[in-house]
């Protein structure tokens, strides 16, 4: 469990990003991310499950990022979705360009931006 194994938001986000990176390094893609790309063609039950997966991830990230001391809960939720979007996009672009290091640099930049969040 990332949350209990790591004490700071930064270490938790680093470990969360490593989950995405491990999928990329295994030459795979996030199944929910791929299904989300074509969500409108899927049955309703599957749509609900995929949306639920991402909503659960965003809720977990809100909890992790609470230490950022962002003044607005709406902004904190937006930041959580930004994390998901950045990591999902970085996996896709890294794979498309066959440049795994693109993911690493995007993850580092994300952490840097989060550190400067007010």
Protein backbone atom coordinates (compact mmCIF):
# COMPACT_ATOMS: atom_id res chain seq x y z
CA UNK A 1 0.00 0.00 0.00
CA UNK A 2 1.61 3.22 -1.19
CA UNK A 3 -0.18 5.39 1.35
CA UNK A 4 0.94 3.48 4.44
CA UNK A 5 4.41 2.65 3.13
CA UNK A 6 5.37 6.25 2.36
CA UNK A 7 5.00 9.27 4.59
CA UNK A 8 5.14 12.30 2.30
CA UNK A 9 2.91 13.32 -0.56
CA UNK A 10 5.99 13.51 -2.77
CA UNK A 11 7.10 9.94 -2.10
CA UNK A 12 3.54 8.71 -2.56
CA UNK A 13 3.23 10.43 -5.93
CA UNK A 14 6.63 9.09 -6.98
CA UNK A 15 5.48 5.56 -6.15
CA UNK A 16 2.15 6.13 -7.90
CA UNK A 17 4.03 7.28 -11.01
CA UNK A 18 6.21 4.17 -10.80
CA UNK A 19 3.08 2.05 -11.21
CA UNK A 20 2.50 3.68 -14.58
CA UNK A 21 6.17 3.45 -15.45
CA UNK A 22 6.28 -0.27 -14.69
CA UNK A 23 3.41 -0.83 -17.14
CA UNK A 24 5.26 1.18 -19.78
CA UNK A 25 8.55 -0.65 -19.19
CA UNK A 26 6.69 -3.96 -19.57
CA UNK A 27 5.62 -2.68 -23.02
CA UNK A 28 1.99 -2.51 -21.96
CA UNK A 29 -0.62 0.18 -21.50
CA UNK A 30 -3.11 0.89 -18.73
CA UNK A 31 -6.19 -1.13 -19.65
CA UNK A 32 -8.60 1.40 -18.15
CA UNK A 33 -6.81 4.21 -19.98
CA UNK A 34 -7.13 2.39 -23.28
CA UNK A 35 -10.78 1.57 -22.71
CA UNK A 36 -11.43 5.16 -21.65
CA UNK A 37 -10.11 6.33 -25.01
CA UNK A 38 -13.06 4.62 -26.68
CA UNK A 39 -15.57 4.84 -23.81
CA UNK A 40 -18.58 5.65 -25.98
CA UNK A 41 -18.38 2.31 -27.78
CA UNK A 42 -18.51 0.32 -24.53
CA UNK A 43 -21.50 -1.15 -22.69
CA UNK A 44 -22.93 0.96 -19.86
CA UNK A 45 -21.72 -1.36 -17.10
CA UNK A 46 -18.15 -1.23 -18.38
CA UNK A 47 -18.35 2.56 -18.71
CA UNK A 48 -19.38 2.80 -15.06
CA UNK A 49 -16.50 0.56 -13.97
CA UNK A 50 -13.89 2.50 -15.92
CA UNK A 51 -15.20 5.84 -14.68
CA UNK A 52 -15.26 4.44 -11.16
CA UNK A 53 -11.64 3.33 -11.46
CA UNK A 54 -10.52 6.85 -12.34
CA UNK A 55 -12.81 8.53 -9.81
CA UNK A 56 -11.35 6.27 -7.11
CA UNK A 57 -7.82 7.15 -8.23
CA UNK A 58 -8.66 10.86 -8.13
CA UNK A 59 -10.15 10.54 -4.63
CA UNK A 60 -7.02 8.75 -3.43
CA UNK A 61 -4.85 11.48 -4.96
CA UNK A 62 -6.92 14.18 -3.25
CA UNK A 63 -6.15 12.45 0.06
CA UNK A 64 -2.44 12.19 -0.81
CA UNK A 65 -2.20 15.77 -2.01
CA UNK A 66 -4.04 17.26 0.97
CA UNK A 67 -0.61 18.06 2.45
CA UNK A 68 -0.12 20.62 -0.32
CA UNK A 69 -2.37 22.94 1.72
CA UNK A 70 -4.33 24.04 -1.33
CA UNK A 71 -7.06 26.42 -0.17
CA UNK A 72 -9.84 25.11 -2.38
CA UNK A 73 -11.14 21.55 -2.46
CA UNK A 74 -12.18 22.12 -6.08
CA UNK A 75 -8.60 23.06 -6.96
CA UNK A 76 -7.26 20.02 -5.11
CA UNK A 77 -9.58 17.79 -7.15
CA UNK A 78 -8.41 19.51 -10.34
CA UNK A 79 -4.79 18.86 -9.36
CA UNK A 80 -5.58 15.19 -8.73
CA UNK A 81 -7.07 14.92 -12.23
CA UNK A 82 -4.03 16.72 -13.62
CA UNK A 83 -1.79 14.05 -12.08
CA UNK A 84 -3.82 11.27 -13.69
CA UNK A 85 -3.96 13.06 -17.04
CA UNK A 86 -0.23 13.78 -17.04
CA UNK A 87 0.76 10.21 -16.21
CA UNK A 88 -1.73 8.64 -18.64
CA UNK A 89 -0.61 10.99 -21.40
CA UNK A 90 3.06 10.47 -20.65
CA UNK A 91 2.65 6.70 -21.00
CA UNK A 92 0.93 7.10 -24.37
CA UNK A 93 3.43 9.62 -25.75
CA UNK A 94 6.43 7.65 -24.48
CA UNK A 95 5.17 4.52 -26.15
CA UNK A 96 4.17 6.27 -29.38
CA UNK A 97 7.59 7.91 -29.70
CA UNK A 98 9.43 4.84 -28.37
CA UNK A 99 11.09 7.06 -25.77
CA UNK A 100 10.57 5.63 -22.27
CA UNK A 101 12.66 8.44 -20.80
CA UNK A 102 9.95 10.88 -21.82
CA UNK A 103 7.78 9.37 -19.11
CA UNK A 104 10.50 9.83 -16.51
CA UNK A 105 11.08 13.46 -17.41
CA UNK A 106 7.33 14.16 -17.44
CA UNK A 107 6.98 12.58 -14.00
CA UNK A 108 9.84 14.65 -12.62
CA UNK A 109 8.33 17.82 -14.06
CA UNK A 110 4.97 16.94 -12.53
CA UNK A 111 6.56 16.56 -9.09
CA UNK A 112 8.40 19.85 -9.56
CA UNK A 113 5.16 21.63 -10.44
CA UNK A 114 3.37 20.08 -7.47
CA UNK A 115 6.11 21.30 -5.13
CA UNK A 116 5.41 24.85 -6.31
CA UNK A 117 1.65 24.57 -5.88
CA UNK A 118 0.10 27.13 -3.58
